[in-house]
All heavy atoms as atom14 arrays in JSON, in Angstrom:
{
  "sequence": "VEGLADGDELNDLQQAFSRHHGLQCGFCTPGFLMLAEA",
  "atom14_mask": [
    [1, 1, 1, 1, 1, 1, 1, 0, 0, 0, 0, 0, 0, 0],
    [1, 1, 1, 1, 1, 1, 1, 1, 1, 0, 0, 0, 0, 0],
    [1, 1, 1, 1, 0, 0, 0, 0, 0, 0, 0, 0, 0, 0],
    [1, 1, 1, 1, 1, 1, 1, 1, 0, 0, 0, 0, 0, 0],
    [1, 1, 1, 1, 1, 0, 0, 0, 0, 0, 0, 0, 0, 0],
    [1, 1, 1, 1, 1, 1, 1, 1, 0, 0, 0, 0, 0, 0],
    [1, 1, 1, 1, 0, 0, 0, 0, 0, 0, 0, 0, 0, 0],
    [1, 1, 1, 1, 1, 1, 1, 1, 0, 0, 0, 0, 0, 0],
    [1, 1, 1, 1, 1, 1, 1, 1, 1, 0, 0, 0, 0, 0],
    [1, 1, 1, 1, 1, 1, 1, 1, 0, 0, 0, 0, 0, 0],
    [1, 1, 1, 1, 1, 1, 1, 1, 0, 0, 0, 0, 0, 0],
    [1, 1, 1, 1, 1, 1, 1, 1, 0, 0, 0, 0, 0, 0],
    [1, 1, 1, 1, 1, 1, 1, 1, 0, 0, 0, 0, 0, 0],
    [1, 1, 1, 1, 1, 1, 1, 1, 1, 0, 0, 0, 0, 0],
    [1, 1, 1, 1, 1, 1, 1, 1, 1, 0, 0, 0, 0, 0],
    [1, 1, 1, 1, 1, 0, 0, 0, 0, 0, 0, 0, 0, 0],
    [1, 1, 1, 1, 1, 1, 1, 1, 1, 1, 1, 0, 0, 0],
    [1, 1, 1, 1, 1, 1, 0, 0, 0, 0, 0, 0, 0, 0],
    [1, 1, 1, 1, 1, 1, 1, 1, 1, 1, 1, 0, 0, 0],
    [1, 1, 1, 1, 1, 1, 1, 1, 1, 1, 0, 0, 0, 0],
    [1, 1, 1, 1, 1, 1, 1, 1, 1, 1, 0, 0, 0, 0],
    [1, 1, 1, 1, 0, 0, 0, 0, 0, 0, 0, 0, 0, 0],
    [1, 1, 1, 1, 1, 1, 1, 1, 0, 0, 0, 0, 0, 0],
    [1, 1, 1, 1, 1, 1, 1, 1, 1, 0, 0, 0, 0, 0],
    [1, 1, 1, 1, 1, 1, 0, 0, 0, 0, 0, 0, 0, 0],
    [1, 1, 1, 1, 0, 0, 0, 0, 0, 0, 0, 0, 0, 0],
    [1, 1, 1, 1, 1, 1, 1, 1, 1, 1, 1, 0, 0, 0],
    [1, 1, 1, 1, 1, 1, 0, 0, 0, 0, 0, 0, 0, 0],
    [1, 1, 1, 1, 1, 1, 1, 0, 0, 0, 0, 0, 0, 0],
    [1, 1, 1, 1, 1, 1, 1, 0, 0, 0, 0, 0, 0, 0],
    [1, 1, 1, 1, 0, 0, 0, 0, 0, 0, 0, 0, 0, 0],
    [1, 1, 1, 1, 1, 1, 1, 1, 1, 1, 1, 0, 0, 0],
    [1, 1, 1, 1, 1, 1, 1, 1, 0, 0, 0, 0, 0, 0],
    [1, 1, 1, 1, 1, 1, 1, 1, 0, 0, 0, 0, 0, 0],
    [1, 1, 1, 1, 1, 1, 1, 1, 0, 0, 0, 0, 0, 0],
    [1, 1, 1, 1, 1, 0, 0, 0, 0, 0, 0, 0, 0, 0],
    [1, 1, 1, 1, 1, 1, 1, 1, 1, 0, 0, 0, 0, 0],
    [1, 1, 1, 1, 1, 0, 0, 0, 0, 0, 0, 0, 0, 0]
  ],
  "atom14_positions": [
    [[-8.99, -9.97, -28.85], [-10.06, -10.55, -28.05], [-10.95, -11.46, -28.93], [-11.48, -12.45, -28.45], [-10.88, -9.46, -27.32], [-11.69, -8.63, -28.29], [-11.71, -10.07, -26.2], [0.0, 0.0, 0.0], [0.0, 0.0, 0.0], [0.0, 0.0, 0.0], [0.0, 0.0, 0.0], [0.0, 0.0, 0.0], [0.0, 0.0, 0.0], [0.0, 0.0, 0.0]],
    [[-11.07, -11.13, -30.19], [-11.87, -11.98, -31.09], [-11.27, -13.38, -31.23], [-11.96, -14.31, -31.61], [-11.99, -11.34, -32.49], [-12.87, -10.1, -32.53], [-12.12, -8.8, -32.3], [-10.93, -8.85, -31.86], [-12.7, -7.74, -32.51], [0.0, 0.0, 0.0], [0.0, 0.0, 0.0], [0.0, 0.0, 0.0], [0.0, 0.0, 0.0], [0.0, 0.0, 0.0]],
    [[-9.99, -13.51, -30.94], [-9.3, -14.8, -31.07], [-9.39, -15.67, -29.83], [-8.87, -16.79, -29.82], [0.0, 0.0, 0.0], [0.0, 0.0, 0.0], [0.0, 0.0, 0.0], [0.0, 0.0, 0.0], [0.0, 0.0, 0.0], [0.0, 0.0, 0.0], [0.0, 0.0, 0.0], [0.0, 0.0, 0.0], [0.0, 0.0, 0.0], [0.0, 0.0, 0.0]],
    [[-10.06, -15.2, -28.78], [-10.18, -16.01, -27.56], [-11.26, -17.07, -27.67], [-11.04, -18.22, -27.3], [-10.47, -15.12, -26.35], [-9.36, -14.2, -25.88], [-9.82, -13.4, -24.66], [-8.09, -14.95, -25.58], [0.0, 0.0, 0.0], [0.0, 0.0, 0.0], [0.0, 0.0, 0.0], [0.0, 0.0, 0.0], [0.0, 0.0, 0.0], [0.0, 0.0, 0.0]],
    [[-12.41, -16.69, -28.16], [-13.54, -17.61, -28.25], [-13.31, -18.61, -29.38], [-12.59, -18.34, -30.34], [-14.84, -16.85, -28.48], [0.0, 0.0, 0.0], [0.0, 0.0, 0.0], [0.0, 0.0, 0.0], [0.0, 0.0, 0.0], [0.0, 0.0, 0.0], [0.0, 0.0, 0.0], [0.0, 0.0, 0.0], [0.0, 0.0, 0.0], [0.0, 0.0, 0.0]],
    [[-13.96, -19.75, -29.25], [-13.97, -20.76, -30.31], [-15.34, -20.72, -30.95], [-16.28, -21.33, -30.45], [-13.67, -22.13, -29.71], [-13.57, -23.23, -30.77], [-13.5, -22.91, -31.97], [-13.57, -24.41, -30.38], [0.0, 0.0, 0.0], [0.0, 0.0, 0.0], [0.0, 0.0, 0.0], [0.0, 0.0, 0.0], [0.0, 0.0, 0.0], [0.0, 0.0, 0.0]],
    [[-15.46, -19.9, -32.0], [-16.78, -19.68, -32.59], [-17.64, -18.92, -31.62], [-17.26, -17.86, -31.13], [0.0, 0.0, 0.0], [0.0, 0.0, 0.0], [0.0, 0.0, 0.0], [0.0, 0.0, 0.0], [0.0, 0.0, 0.0], [0.0, 0.0, 0.0], [0.0, 0.0, 0.0], [0.0, 0.0, 0.0], [0.0, 0.0, 0.0], [0.0, 0.0, 0.0]],
    [[-18.79, -19.47, -31.29], [-19.69, -18.84, -30.33], [-19.4, -19.27, -28.89], [-20.03, -18.76, -27.96], [-21.15, -19.18, -30.67], [-21.62, -18.52, -31.93], [-21.04, -17.47, -32.3], [-22.59, -19.01, -32.54], [0.0, 0.0, 0.0], [0.0, 0.0, 0.0], [0.0, 0.0, 0.0], [0.0, 0.0, 0.0], [0.0, 0.0, 0.0], [0.0, 0.0, 0.0]],
    [[-18.45, -20.19, -28.71], [-18.11, -20.69, -27.37], [-17.03, -19.85, -26.74], [-15.89, -19.8, -27.2], [-17.63, -22.15, -27.49], [-17.29, -22.81, -26.18], [-18.51, -23.12, -25.33], [-19.6, -23.31, -25.9], [-18.35, -23.17, -24.1], [0.0, 0.0, 0.0], [0.0, 0.0, 0.0], [0.0, 0.0, 0.0], [0.0, 0.0, 0.0], [0.0, 0.0, 0.0]],
    [[-17.39, -19.12, -25.66], [-16.43, -18.29, -24.96], [-15.37, -19.18, -24.31], [-15.66, -20.29, -23.88], [-17.13, -17.45, -23.89], [-18.16, -16.45, -24.36], [-18.79, -15.74, -23.17], [-17.57, -15.46, -25.32], [0.0, 0.0, 0.0], [0.0, 0.0, 0.0], [0.0, 0.0, 0.0], [0.0, 0.0, 0.0], [0.0, 0.0, 0.0], [0.0, 0.0, 0.0]],
    [[-14.14, -18.66, -24.21], [-13.11, -19.46, -23.55], [-13.31, -19.37, -22.03], [-14.17, -18.64, -21.53], [-11.69, -19.06, -24.01], [-11.11, -17.86, -23.3], [-11.8, -17.1, -22.61], [-9.83, -17.67, -23.48], [0.0, 0.0, 0.0], [0.0, 0.0, 0.0], [0.0, 0.0, 0.0], [0.0, 0.0, 0.0], [0.0, 0.0, 0.0], [0.0, 0.0, 0.0]],
    [[-12.52, -20.13, -21.3], [-12.71, -20.22, -19.86], [-12.54, -18.88, -19.16], [-13.25, -18.56, -18.21], [-11.77, -21.27, -19.26], [-10.29, -21.03, -19.53], [-9.94, -20.21, -20.42], [-9.46, -21.67, -18.86], [0.0, 0.0, 0.0], [0.0, 0.0, 0.0], [0.0, 0.0, 0.0], [0.0, 0.0, 0.0], [0.0, 0.0, 0.0], [0.0, 0.0, 0.0]],
    [[-11.63, -18.04, -19.63], [-11.42, -16.75, -19.03], [-12.62, -15.82, -19.26], [-13.08, -15.15, -18.34], [-10.13, -16.11, -19.58], [-9.71, -14.77, -18.99], [-9.48, -14.89, -17.47], [-8.46, -14.26, -19.68], [0.0, 0.0, 0.0], [0.0, 0.0, 0.0], [0.0, 0.0, 0.0], [0.0, 0.0, 0.0], [0.0, 0.0, 0.0], [0.0, 0.0, 0.0]],
    [[-13.13, -15.8, -20.46], [-14.32, -15.01, -20.77], [-15.51, -15.45, -19.91], [-16.25, -14.62, -19.4], [-14.66, -15.09, -22.25], [-13.64, -14.42, -23.15], [-13.85, -14.76, -24.61], [-13.93, -15.92, -24.99], [-13.93, -13.72, -25.43], [0.0, 0.0, 0.0], [0.0, 0.0, 0.0], [0.0, 0.0, 0.0], [0.0, 0.0, 0.0], [0.0, 0.0, 0.0]],
    [[-15.68, -16.76, -19.79], [-16.78, -17.28, -18.97], [-16.6, -16.89, -17.5], [-17.57, -16.51, -16.84], [-16.83, -18.8, -19.09], [-17.29, -19.27, -20.46], [-17.24, -20.79, -20.58], [-17.34, -21.51, -19.62], [-17.06, -21.26, -21.81], [0.0, 0.0, 0.0], [0.0, 0.0, 0.0], [0.0, 0.0, 0.0], [0.0, 0.0, 0.0], [0.0, 0.0, 0.0]],
    [[-15.35, -16.92, -16.99], [-15.11, -16.54, -15.61], [-15.37, -15.05, -15.38], [-15.9, -14.66, -14.34], [-13.67, -16.89, -15.22], [0.0, 0.0, 0.0], [0.0, 0.0, 0.0], [0.0, 0.0, 0.0], [0.0, 0.0, 0.0], [0.0, 0.0, 0.0], [0.0, 0.0, 0.0], [0.0, 0.0, 0.0], [0.0, 0.0, 0.0], [0.0, 0.0, 0.0]],
    [[-15.01, -14.22, -16.35], [-15.32, -12.78, -16.23], [-16.83, -12.6, -16.09], [-17.27, -11.78, -15.26], [-14.82, -12.01, -17.46], [-13.48, -11.35, -17.3], [-12.34, -12.1, -17.04], [-13.34, -9.97, -17.37], [-11.11, -11.5, -16.89], [-12.12, -9.36, -17.21], [-10.99, -10.12, -16.97], [0.0, 0.0, 0.0], [0.0, 0.0, 0.0], [0.0, 0.0, 0.0]],
    [[-17.59, -13.32, -16.85], [-19.05, -13.22, -16.77], [-19.55, -13.73, -15.41], [-20.35, -13.07, -14.75], [-19.69, -14.02, -17.9], [-21.08, -13.98, -17.82], [0.0, 0.0, 0.0], [0.0, 0.0, 0.0], [0.0, 0.0, 0.0], [0.0, 0.0, 0.0], [0.0, 0.0, 0.0], [0.0, 0.0, 0.0], [0.0, 0.0, 0.0], [0.0, 0.0, 0.0]],
    [[-19.08, -14.89, -15.0], [-19.5, -15.49, -13.74], [-19.2, -14.6, -12.53], [-19.98, -14.52, -11.6], [-18.79, -16.83, -13.56], [-19.63, -17.97, -13.24], [-18.93, -19.31, -13.04], [-17.53, -19.44, -13.29], [-16.98, -19.78, -14.47], [-17.76, -20.0, -15.52], [-15.68, -19.89, -14.61], [0.0, 0.0, 0.0], [0.0, 0.0, 0.0], [0.0, 0.0, 0.0]],
    [[-18.04, -13.96, -12.55], [-17.6, -13.13, -11.41], [-17.93, -11.65, -11.58], [-17.45, -10.83, -10.8], [-16.1, -13.31, -11.17], [-15.76, -14.67, -10.66], [-15.9, -15.01, -9.34], [-15.29, -15.76, -11.3], [-15.52, -16.26, -9.17], [-15.16, -16.74, -10.35], [0.0, 0.0, 0.0], [0.0, 0.0, 0.0], [0.0, 0.0, 0.0], [0.0, 0.0, 0.0]],
    [[-18.72, -11.34, -12.58], [-19.11, -9.95, -12.86], [-17.87, -9.06, -12.99], [-17.81, -7.97, -12.46], [-20.07, -9.4, -11.78], [-21.24, -10.29, -11.55], [-22.28, -10.37, -12.46], [-21.52, -11.17, -10.57], [-23.16, -11.26, -12.04], [-22.73, -11.75, -10.9], [0.0, 0.0, 0.0], [0.0, 0.0, 0.0], [0.0, 0.0, 0.0], [0.0, 0.0, 0.0]],
    [[-16.89, -9.57, -13.76], [-15.63, -8.86, -13.99], [-15.77, -7.84, -15.1], [-14.76, -7.42, -15.67], [0.0, 0.0, 0.0], [0.0, 0.0, 0.0], [0.0, 0.0, 0.0], [0.0, 0.0, 0.0], [0.0, 0.0, 0.0], [0.0, 0.0, 0.0], [0.0, 0.0, 0.0], [0.0, 0.0, 0.0], [0.0, 0.0, 0.0], [0.0, 0.0, 0.0]],
    [[-16.98, -7.49, -15.44], [-17.2, -6.47, -16.45], [-18.49, -5.77, -16.11], [-19.35, -6.32, -15.46], [-17.29, -7.09, -17.86], [-18.38, -8.15, -18.04], [-19.29, -7.78, -19.19], [-17.74, -9.5, -18.29], [0.0, 0.0, 0.0], [0.0, 0.0, 0.0], [0.0, 0.0, 0.0], [0.0, 0.0, 0.0], [0.0, 0.0, 0.0], [0.0, 0.0, 0.0]],
    [[-18.56, -4.55, -16.53], [-19.8, -3.81, -16.31], [-20.17, -3.15, -17.65], [-20.94, -3.7, -18.4], [-19.67, -2.81, -15.19], [-20.98, -2.36, -14.65], [-20.85, -1.72, -13.27], [-19.8, -1.72, -12.66], [-21.94, -1.19, -12.79], [0.0, 0.0, 0.0], [0.0, 0.0, 0.0], [0.0, 0.0, 0.0], [0.0, 0.0, 0.0], [0.0, 0.0, 0.0]],
    [[-19.56, -2.02, -17.97], [-19.89, -1.41, -19.26], [-19.24, -2.18, -20.4], [-19.71, -2.15, -21.52], [-19.49, 0.07, -19.29], [-17.75, 0.38, -19.62], [0.0, 0.0, 0.0], [0.0, 0.0, 0.0], [0.0, 0.0, 0.0], [0.0, 0.0, 0.0], [0.0, 0.0, 0.0], [0.0, 0.0, 0.0], [0.0, 0.0, 0.0], [0.0, 0.0, 0.0]],
    [[-18.14, -2.86, -20.13], [-17.47, -3.7, -21.13], [-16.42, -3.01, -21.97], [-15.73, -3.66, -22.75], [0.0, 0.0, 0.0], [0.0, 0.0, 0.0], [0.0, 0.0, 0.0], [0.0, 0.0, 0.0], [0.0, 0.0, 0.0], [0.0, 0.0, 0.0], [0.0, 0.0, 0.0], [0.0, 0.0, 0.0], [0.0, 0.0, 0.0], [0.0, 0.0, 0.0]],
    [[-16.26, -1.71, -21.83], [-15.31, -1.0, -22.68], [-13.87, -1.47, -22.44], [-13.12, -1.68, -23.37], [-15.42, 0.52, -22.47], [-14.61, 1.27, -23.49], [-15.11, 1.5, -24.75], [-13.34, 1.72, -23.18], [-14.35, 2.17, -25.71], [-12.58, 2.39, -24.11], [-13.08, 2.61, -25.38], [0.0, 0.0, 0.0], [0.0, 0.0, 0.0], [0.0, 0.0, 0.0]],
    [[-13.49, -1.64, -21.2], [-12.11, -2.04, -20.87], [-11.91, -3.54, -20.93], [-10.77, -4.02, -20.92], [-11.73, -1.54, -19.49], [-12.71, -2.31, -18.16], [0.0, 0.0, 0.0], [0.0, 0.0, 0.0], [0.0, 0.0, 0.0], [0.0, 0.0, 0.0], [0.0, 0.0, 0.0], [0.0, 0.0, 0.0], [0.0, 0.0, 0.0], [0.0, 0.0, 0.0]],
    [[-12.98, -4.31, -20.98], [-12.91, -5.76, -20.86], [-12.01, -6.43, -21.87], [-11.21, -7.3, -21.47], [-14.34, -6.35, -20.93], [-15.14, -5.71, -19.93], [-14.32, -7.86, -20.7], [0.0, 0.0, 0.0], [0.0, 0.0, 0.0], [0.0, 0.0, 0.0], [0.0, 0.0, 0.0], [0.0, 0.0, 0.0], [0.0, 0.0, 0.0], [0.0, 0.0, 0.0]],
    [[-12.02, -6.08, -23.15], [-11.1, -6.76, -24.08], [-9.63, -6.59, -23.68], [-8.85, -7.57, -23.75], [-11.38, -6.09, -25.42], [-12.79, -5.62, -25.31], [-12.94, -5.19, -23.88], [0.0, 0.0, 0.0], [0.0, 0.0, 0.0], [0.0, 0.0, 0.0], [0.0, 0.0, 0.0], [0.0, 0.0, 0.0], [0.0, 0.0, 0.0], [0.0, 0.0, 0.0]],
    [[-9.27, -5.41, -23.24], [-7.88, -5.19, -22.81], [-7.53, -6.02, -21.59], [-6.44, -6.59, -21.5], [0.0, 0.0, 0.0], [0.0, 0.0, 0.0], [0.0, 0.0, 0.0], [0.0, 0.0, 0.0], [0.0, 0.0, 0.0], [0.0, 0.0, 0.0], [0.0, 0.0, 0.0], [0.0, 0.0, 0.0], [0.0, 0.0, 0.0], [0.0, 0.0, 0.0]],
    [[-8.45, -6.11, -20.63], [-8.21, -6.94, -19.44], [-8.1, -8.4, -19.81], [-7.27, -9.13, -19.28], [-9.34, -6.74, -18.41], [-9.11, -5.6, -17.48], [-9.85, -4.44, -17.63], [-8.19, -5.67, -16.46], [-9.67, -3.37, -16.78], [-8.0, -4.6, -15.6], [-8.74, -3.46, -15.75], [0.0, 0.0, 0.0], [0.0, 0.0, 0.0], [0.0, 0.0, 0.0]],
    [[-8.97, -8.86, -20.69], [-8.93, -10.26, -21.12], [-7.59, -10.6, -21.76], [-7.01, -11.65, -21.46], [-10.09, -10.56, -22.08], [-11.48, -10.66, -21.45], [-12.55, -10.63, -22.53], [-11.6, -11.91, -20.59], [0.0, 0.0, 0.0], [0.0, 0.0, 0.0], [0.0, 0.0, 0.0], [0.0, 0.0, 0.0], [0.0, 0.0, 0.0], [0.0, 0.0, 0.0]],
    [[-7.09, -9.73, -22.61], [-5.83, -10.02, -23.3], [-4.65, -9.95, -22.33], [-3.73, -10.76, -22.4], [-5.64, -9.08, -24.5], [-6.73, -9.22, -25.55], [-7.21, -10.92, -25.99], [-5.7, -11.51, -26.74], [0.0, 0.0, 0.0], [0.0, 0.0, 0.0], [0.0, 0.0, 0.0], [0.0, 0.0, 0.0], [0.0, 0.0, 0.0], [0.0, 0.0, 0.0]],
    [[-4.67, -8.97, -21.43], [-3.63, -8.88, -20.41], [-3.63, -10.15, -19.55], [-2.57, -10.74, -19.29], [-3.86, -7.64, -19.55], [-2.87, -7.38, -18.42], [-1.49, -7.04, -18.99], [-3.38, -6.23, -17.56], [0.0, 0.0, 0.0], [0.0, 0.0, 0.0], [0.0, 0.0, 0.0], [0.0, 0.0, 0.0], [0.0, 0.0, 0.0], [0.0, 0.0, 0.0]],
    [[-4.81, -10.55, -19.1], [-4.93, -11.75, -18.26], [-4.55, -13.02, -19.02], [-3.89, -13.91, -18.48], [-6.35, -11.87, -17.72], [0.0, 0.0, 0.0], [0.0, 0.0, 0.0], [0.0, 0.0, 0.0], [0.0, 0.0, 0.0], [0.0, 0.0, 0.0], [0.0, 0.0, 0.0], [0.0, 0.0, 0.0], [0.0, 0.0, 0.0], [0.0, 0.0, 0.0]],
    [[-4.91, -13.09, -20.29], [-4.57, -14.27, -21.1], [-3.05, -14.42, -21.2], [-2.52, -15.54, -21.1], [-5.22, -14.18, -22.48], [-5.12, -15.46, -23.29], [-5.85, -16.63, -22.7], [-6.92, -16.47, -22.08], [-5.34, -17.77, -22.87], [0.0, 0.0, 0.0], [0.0, 0.0, 0.0], [0.0, 0.0, 0.0], [0.0, 0.0, 0.0], [0.0, 0.0, 0.0]],
    [[-2.34, -13.33, -21.4], [-0.88, -13.38, -21.45], [-0.31, -13.82, -20.12], [0.61, -14.63, -20.05], [-0.32, -12.04, -21.86], [0.0, 0.0, 0.0], [0.0, 0.0, 0.0], [0.0, 0.0, 0.0], [0.0, 0.0, 0.0], [0.0, 0.0, 0.0], [0.0, 0.0, 0.0], [0.0, 0.0, 0.0], [0.0, 0.0, 0.0], [0.0, 0.0, 0.0]]
  ]
}
């Protein structure tokens, strides 16, 4: 998940997760992001 962002700039998927409230506690979020990225 650390490889998704470009420095401090979140990638489009990370931004969409934030916009759509696709995370709450955030514990599972890295796994979902990587699964979705693939």
